[in-house]
N, C-alpha and C. Protein backbone atom coordinates (compact mmCIF):
# COMPACT_ATOMS: atom_id res chain seq x y z
N MET A 1 0.82 -1.20 0.00
CA MET A 1 0.00 0.00 0.00
C MET A 1 0.87 1.26 0.00
N ALA A 2 1.93 1.25 0.76
CA ALA A 2 2.81 2.41 0.83
C ALA A 2 3.45 2.70 -0.52
N ALA A 3 3.83 1.64 -1.23
CA ALA A 3 4.45 1.83 -2.55
C ALA A 3 3.47 2.47 -3.52
N TYR A 4 2.22 2.05 -3.47
CA TYR A 4 1.18 2.64 -4.33
C TYR A 4 1.02 4.12 -4.00
N PHE A 5 0.97 4.46 -2.73
CA PHE A 5 0.80 5.85 -2.31
C PHE A 5 2.00 6.69 -2.74
N ASP A 6 3.21 6.14 -2.60
CA ASP A 6 4.41 6.87 -3.03
C ASP A 6 4.39 7.12 -4.53
N ARG A 7 3.95 6.13 -5.30
CA ARG A 7 3.88 6.29 -6.76
C ARG A 7 2.82 7.33 -7.12
N PHE A 8 1.69 7.30 -6.39
CA PHE A 8 0.64 8.30 -6.62
C PHE A 8 1.18 9.70 -6.37
N LEU A 9 1.89 9.90 -5.27
CA LEU A 9 2.45 11.22 -4.96
C LEU A 9 3.48 11.64 -6.01
N SER A 10 4.29 10.69 -6.45
CA SER A 10 5.28 10.98 -7.48
C SER A 10 4.60 11.40 -8.78
N ASP A 11 3.57 10.67 -9.19
CA ASP A 11 2.83 11.01 -10.41
C ASP A 11 2.16 12.37 -10.27
N HIS A 12 1.61 12.65 -9.09
CA HIS A 12 0.96 13.94 -8.84
C HIS A 12 1.98 15.07 -8.97
N LYS A 13 3.17 14.87 -8.43
CA LYS A 13 4.22 15.89 -8.52
C LYS A 13 4.65 16.10 -9.97
N ILE A 14 4.78 15.02 -10.73
CA ILE A 14 5.15 15.14 -12.14
C ILE A 14 4.10 15.96 -12.89
N THR A 15 2.82 15.66 -12.65
CA THR A 15 1.74 16.43 -13.30
C THR A 15 1.87 17.91 -12.98
N ALA A 16 2.07 18.23 -11.70
CA ALA A 16 2.20 19.63 -11.29
C ALA A 16 3.42 20.28 -11.94
N ASN A 17 4.51 19.54 -12.03
CA ASN A 17 5.73 20.09 -12.64
C ASN A 17 5.57 20.31 -14.15
N VAL A 18 4.86 19.42 -14.82
CA VAL A 18 4.61 19.61 -16.25
C VAL A 18 3.73 20.84 -16.45
N GLN A 19 2.69 20.98 -15.65
CA GLN A 19 1.81 22.15 -15.77
C GLN A 19 2.58 23.44 -15.49
N ALA A 20 3.47 23.41 -14.51
CA ALA A 20 4.30 24.59 -14.21
C ALA A 20 5.24 24.89 -15.38
N ALA A 21 5.78 23.86 -15.99
CA ALA A 21 6.65 24.06 -17.15
C ALA A 21 5.87 24.68 -18.30
N PHE A 22 4.63 24.23 -18.51
CA PHE A 22 3.79 24.81 -19.56
C PHE A 22 3.53 26.29 -19.31
N ASP A 23 3.43 26.68 -18.05
CA ASP A 23 3.18 28.09 -17.71
C ASP A 23 4.30 29.00 -18.20
N ARG A 24 5.49 28.45 -18.40
CA ARG A 24 6.63 29.24 -18.88
C ARG A 24 6.60 29.41 -20.40
N TYR A 25 5.61 28.83 -21.05
CA TYR A 25 5.45 28.93 -22.51
C TYR A 25 4.09 29.54 -22.80
N PRO A 26 4.02 30.87 -22.89
CA PRO A 26 2.74 31.55 -23.08
C PRO A 26 1.99 31.08 -24.32
N GLU A 27 2.71 30.61 -25.33
CA GLU A 27 2.04 30.16 -26.56
C GLU A 27 1.21 28.89 -26.32
N LEU A 28 1.42 28.22 -25.20
CA LEU A 28 0.63 27.04 -24.88
C LEU A 28 -0.63 27.38 -24.09
N GLY A 29 -0.78 28.67 -23.76
CA GLY A 29 -1.95 29.12 -23.01
C GLY A 29 -3.14 29.35 -23.91
N GLU A 30 -4.10 30.09 -23.43
CA GLU A 30 -5.33 30.38 -24.18
C GLU A 30 -5.00 30.92 -25.57
N PRO A 31 -5.71 30.51 -26.58
CA PRO A 31 -6.95 29.74 -26.58
C PRO A 31 -6.72 28.23 -26.55
N ASN A 32 -5.47 27.82 -26.36
CA ASN A 32 -5.15 26.39 -26.32
C ASN A 32 -5.58 25.81 -24.98
N SER A 33 -5.86 24.54 -24.99
CA SER A 33 -6.30 23.87 -23.78
C SER A 33 -5.65 22.49 -23.72
N ILE A 34 -4.65 22.35 -22.84
CA ILE A 34 -3.94 21.08 -22.72
C ILE A 34 -4.13 20.54 -21.31
N SER A 35 -4.62 19.33 -21.24
CA SER A 35 -4.82 18.64 -19.97
C SER A 35 -3.64 17.70 -19.75
N VAL A 36 -3.19 17.59 -18.49
CA VAL A 36 -2.05 16.75 -18.16
C VAL A 36 -2.47 15.74 -17.10
N GLN A 37 -2.15 14.48 -17.34
CA GLN A 37 -2.35 13.42 -16.36
C GLN A 37 -1.11 12.54 -16.38
N THR A 38 -0.77 11.97 -15.23
CA THR A 38 0.40 11.11 -15.14
C THR A 38 0.02 9.80 -14.47
N LEU A 39 0.51 8.71 -15.04
CA LEU A 39 0.29 7.39 -14.46
C LEU A 39 1.57 6.58 -14.65
N ASN A 40 2.16 6.16 -13.56
CA ASN A 40 3.41 5.37 -13.61
C ASN A 40 4.51 6.09 -14.38
N HIS A 41 4.63 7.39 -14.15
CA HIS A 41 5.65 8.24 -14.77
C HIS A 41 5.46 8.46 -16.27
N VAL A 42 4.32 8.05 -16.80
CA VAL A 42 3.98 8.34 -18.20
C VAL A 42 3.00 9.50 -18.19
N VAL A 43 3.35 10.57 -18.91
CA VAL A 43 2.52 11.76 -18.98
C VAL A 43 1.60 11.66 -20.18
N TYR A 44 0.31 11.89 -19.92
CA TYR A 44 -0.71 11.86 -20.97
C TYR A 44 -1.21 13.28 -21.20
N LEU A 45 -1.04 13.76 -22.42
CA LEU A 45 -1.48 15.10 -22.79
C LEU A 45 -2.70 14.98 -23.69
N SER A 46 -3.70 15.77 -23.41
CA SER A 46 -4.89 15.79 -24.27
C SER A 46 -5.39 17.22 -24.37
N GLY A 47 -6.29 17.44 -25.32
CA GLY A 47 -6.85 18.77 -25.51
C GLY A 47 -6.58 19.26 -26.91
N GLY A 48 -6.60 20.58 -27.06
CA GLY A 48 -6.44 21.16 -28.38
C GLY A 48 -5.53 22.37 -28.39
N VAL A 49 -4.84 22.54 -29.50
CA VAL A 49 -3.98 23.71 -29.74
C VAL A 49 -4.29 24.25 -31.12
N SER A 50 -3.92 25.49 -31.36
CA SER A 50 -4.25 26.12 -32.63
C SER A 50 -3.21 25.88 -33.72
N GLN A 51 -2.03 25.39 -33.38
CA GLN A 51 -0.99 25.14 -34.38
C GLN A 51 -0.23 23.86 -34.04
N GLY A 52 0.19 23.14 -35.08
CA GLY A 52 0.91 21.89 -34.89
C GLY A 52 2.21 22.04 -34.13
N THR A 53 2.88 23.17 -34.29
CA THR A 53 4.14 23.37 -33.57
C THR A 53 3.91 23.43 -32.06
N MET A 54 2.74 23.87 -31.65
CA MET A 54 2.42 23.93 -30.21
C MET A 54 2.30 22.54 -29.63
N ARG A 55 1.77 21.62 -30.41
CA ARG A 55 1.68 20.22 -29.98
C ARG A 55 3.09 19.67 -29.75
N GLU A 56 3.98 19.94 -30.68
CA GLU A 56 5.36 19.48 -30.56
C GLU A 56 6.04 20.12 -29.36
N THR A 57 5.79 21.42 -29.14
CA THR A 57 6.37 22.11 -28.00
C THR A 57 5.89 21.50 -26.69
N ALA A 58 4.60 21.23 -26.58
CA ALA A 58 4.05 20.65 -25.36
C ALA A 58 4.69 19.31 -25.06
N GLU A 59 4.83 18.48 -26.06
CA GLU A 59 5.44 17.16 -25.86
C GLU A 59 6.90 17.31 -25.45
N SER A 60 7.62 18.19 -26.11
CA SER A 60 9.04 18.41 -25.80
C SER A 60 9.23 18.94 -24.39
N VAL A 61 8.41 19.90 -24.00
CA VAL A 61 8.50 20.49 -22.65
C VAL A 61 8.22 19.41 -21.60
N ALA A 62 7.19 18.61 -21.81
CA ALA A 62 6.84 17.57 -20.85
C ALA A 62 7.96 16.54 -20.71
N LEU A 63 8.60 16.17 -21.81
CA LEU A 63 9.68 15.19 -21.76
C LEU A 63 10.87 15.66 -20.94
N LYS A 64 11.05 16.96 -20.82
CA LYS A 64 12.20 17.50 -20.09
C LYS A 64 11.98 17.54 -18.58
N VAL A 65 10.76 17.30 -18.13
CA VAL A 65 10.46 17.35 -16.70
C VAL A 65 11.03 16.12 -16.01
N LYS A 66 11.70 16.34 -14.89
CA LYS A 66 12.32 15.25 -14.13
C LYS A 66 11.27 14.22 -13.73
N GLY A 67 11.61 12.95 -13.97
CA GLY A 67 10.73 11.86 -13.58
C GLY A 67 9.83 11.35 -14.69
N VAL A 68 9.76 12.08 -15.80
CA VAL A 68 8.90 11.66 -16.91
C VAL A 68 9.61 10.56 -17.70
N ALA A 69 8.96 9.40 -17.79
CA ALA A 69 9.53 8.29 -18.54
C ALA A 69 9.15 8.36 -20.02
N ARG A 70 7.93 8.81 -20.28
CA ARG A 70 7.42 8.84 -21.66
C ARG A 70 6.24 9.80 -21.72
N VAL A 71 5.98 10.33 -22.90
CA VAL A 71 4.83 11.21 -23.11
C VAL A 71 3.95 10.61 -24.20
N GLU A 72 2.68 10.52 -23.90
CA GLU A 72 1.68 10.09 -24.88
C GLU A 72 0.75 11.28 -25.08
N ASP A 73 0.49 11.64 -26.32
CA ASP A 73 -0.41 12.78 -26.51
C ASP A 73 -1.50 12.49 -27.52
N THR A 74 -2.65 13.02 -27.20
CA THR A 74 -3.82 12.97 -28.09
C THR A 74 -4.29 14.40 -28.34
N ILE A 75 -3.34 15.31 -28.37
CA ILE A 75 -3.65 16.72 -28.62
C ILE A 75 -4.06 16.88 -30.08
N TYR A 76 -5.15 17.57 -30.29
CA TYR A 76 -5.59 17.83 -31.67
C TYR A 76 -5.27 19.27 -32.03
N VAL A 77 -5.09 19.49 -33.32
CA VAL A 77 -4.77 20.81 -33.85
C VAL A 77 -6.02 21.37 -34.51
N THR A 78 -6.42 22.58 -34.11
CA THR A 78 -7.67 23.15 -34.59
C THR A 78 -7.53 23.83 -35.96
N LYS A 79 -6.33 24.16 -36.38
CA LYS A 79 -6.16 24.81 -37.68
C LYS A 79 -5.43 23.90 -38.64
């Protein structure tokens, strides 16, 4: 049980750190909407962005966050 709780806290911290990293990239903000979830150190990105380069930026930024093993994204491009 303790190991599960530790993994949950670690995943929660990774999610918070990815969201904080996104905050440093204003182009990923409104009108774009990217949701971040983490499970077993794999970051899942979903939502929409207005340009394809923003999708690439989001994935690249998330990969640089400490503790991220892999990034899976289902971000769609509106234009």
